[in-house]
Protein backbone atom coordinates (compact mmCIF):
# COMPACT_ATOMS: atom_id res chain seq x y z
CA MET A 1 -43.66 22.16 12.46
CA GLY A 2 -42.88 22.25 8.76
CA TRP A 3 -39.62 24.06 9.20
CA VAL A 4 -38.58 21.46 11.79
CA SER A 5 -39.03 18.52 9.45
CA ASP A 6 -37.35 20.58 6.70
CA THR A 7 -34.31 21.28 9.07
CA VAL A 8 -34.08 17.62 10.05
CA ASP A 9 -34.13 16.49 6.41
CA SER A 10 -31.46 18.92 5.44
CA ILE A 11 -29.29 17.75 8.36
CA LYS A 12 -29.83 14.10 7.24
CA SER A 13 -28.91 14.94 3.64
CA ILE A 14 -25.78 16.81 4.80
CA LYS A 15 -24.54 13.82 6.81
CA VAL A 16 -25.31 11.38 3.91
CA ARG A 17 -23.30 13.82 1.69
CA GLU A 18 -20.37 13.95 4.11
CA VAL A 19 -20.25 10.21 4.46
CA LEU A 20 -20.50 9.81 0.66
CA HIS A 21 -17.68 12.32 0.21
CA GLN A 22 -15.43 10.59 2.72
CA LEU A 23 -16.06 7.18 1.06
CA ILE A 24 -15.18 8.69 -2.39
CA VAL A 25 -11.96 10.23 -0.92
CA LEU A 26 -11.05 6.97 0.66
CA GLY A 27 -11.62 5.19 -2.51
CA MET A 28 -9.45 7.61 -4.49
CA ILE A 29 -6.66 7.21 -2.02
CA VAL A 30 -6.77 3.39 -2.08
CA THR A 31 -6.91 3.50 -5.97
CA THR A 32 -4.00 5.93 -6.12
CA ALA A 33 -1.92 3.70 -3.89
CA LEU A 34 -2.63 0.66 -6.00
CA ILE A 35 -1.81 2.52 -9.24
CA ILE A 36 1.46 3.63 -7.68
CA TRP A 37 2.25 0.08 -6.58
CA LYS A 38 1.54 -1.38 -9.98
CA GLY A 39 3.45 1.26 -11.70
CA LEU A 40 6.47 0.41 -9.45
CA MET A 41 6.04 -3.27 -10.22
CA CYS A 42 6.26 -2.51 -14.00
CA ILE A 43 9.28 -0.20 -13.70
CA THR A 44 11.27 -2.42 -11.36
CA GLY A 45 10.27 -5.75 -12.76
CA THR A 46 9.56 -7.28 -9.41
CA GLU A 47 6.43 -8.35 -7.51
CA SER A 48 7.58 -6.54 -4.38
CA PRO A 49 9.24 -3.27 -5.31
CA VAL A 50 9.28 -1.96 -1.73
CA VAL A 51 10.06 -4.29 1.32
CA VAL A 52 10.76 -3.76 4.92
CA VAL A 53 13.67 -5.40 6.82
CA LEU A 54 12.02 -7.60 9.49
CA SER A 55 14.86 -9.05 11.29
CA GLY A 56 18.46 -8.13 12.33
CA SER A 57 19.98 -10.63 9.78
CA MET A 58 21.15 -7.64 7.52
CA GLU A 59 22.92 -5.71 10.15
CA PRO A 60 25.09 -3.58 10.09
CA GLY A 61 24.15 -2.61 6.57
CA PHE A 62 20.48 -2.33 7.10
CA GLN A 63 18.70 -1.96 10.47
CA ARG A 64 15.39 -3.59 11.42
CA GLY A 65 12.52 -1.43 10.02
CA ASP A 66 14.49 -0.01 7.14
CA ILE A 67 12.59 0.26 3.85
CA LEU A 68 14.40 -1.12 0.79
CA PHE A 69 13.50 -0.21 -2.93
CA LEU A 70 14.15 -3.30 -5.07
CA THR A 71 14.83 -3.63 -8.76
CA MET A 72 15.19 -6.70 -10.90
CA SER A 73 18.38 -6.96 -13.04
CA LYS A 74 19.49 -9.43 -15.59
CA ASP A 75 23.10 -9.04 -14.52
CA PRO A 76 24.58 -12.04 -12.64
CA ILE A 77 24.45 -11.92 -8.87
CA ARG A 78 27.53 -10.46 -7.37
CA SER A 79 29.09 -10.08 -3.96
CA GLY A 80 27.17 -7.30 -2.21
CA ASP A 81 23.80 -7.71 -3.96
CA ILE A 82 20.73 -8.03 -1.89
CA VAL A 83 18.88 -11.25 -2.56
CA VAL A 84 15.18 -11.42 -1.74
CA PHE A 85 13.30 -14.73 -1.59
CA ASN A 86 9.63 -15.03 -2.29
CA ILE A 87 8.33 -17.94 -0.11
CA ASP A 88 4.94 -19.38 -1.02
CA MET A 89 3.19 -20.52 2.08
CA LEU A 90 1.16 -23.71 2.09
CA ILE A 91 -1.68 -23.69 4.59
CA LEU A 92 -2.67 -27.22 5.70
CA ILE A 93 -6.00 -27.77 7.29
């Protein structure tokens, strides 16, 4: 019966190693995404360097679901520029 308990222990340790490996990989993916996002924030000068068009208000130039890459410029706003508003939501209880 000694080899059975050794086999069970080795199977348990393999599963623990696999789960630990998957958690480390997931952590690396999330960390990489955050680093890329923060890097884009520094490069573009905006809090939201990438946004998605949620409504049809920008048609025909942009369709619903389009992804826009934004940059902040010190130039004055001109006709044809895309203006994005950041609305702070207040939650009342």
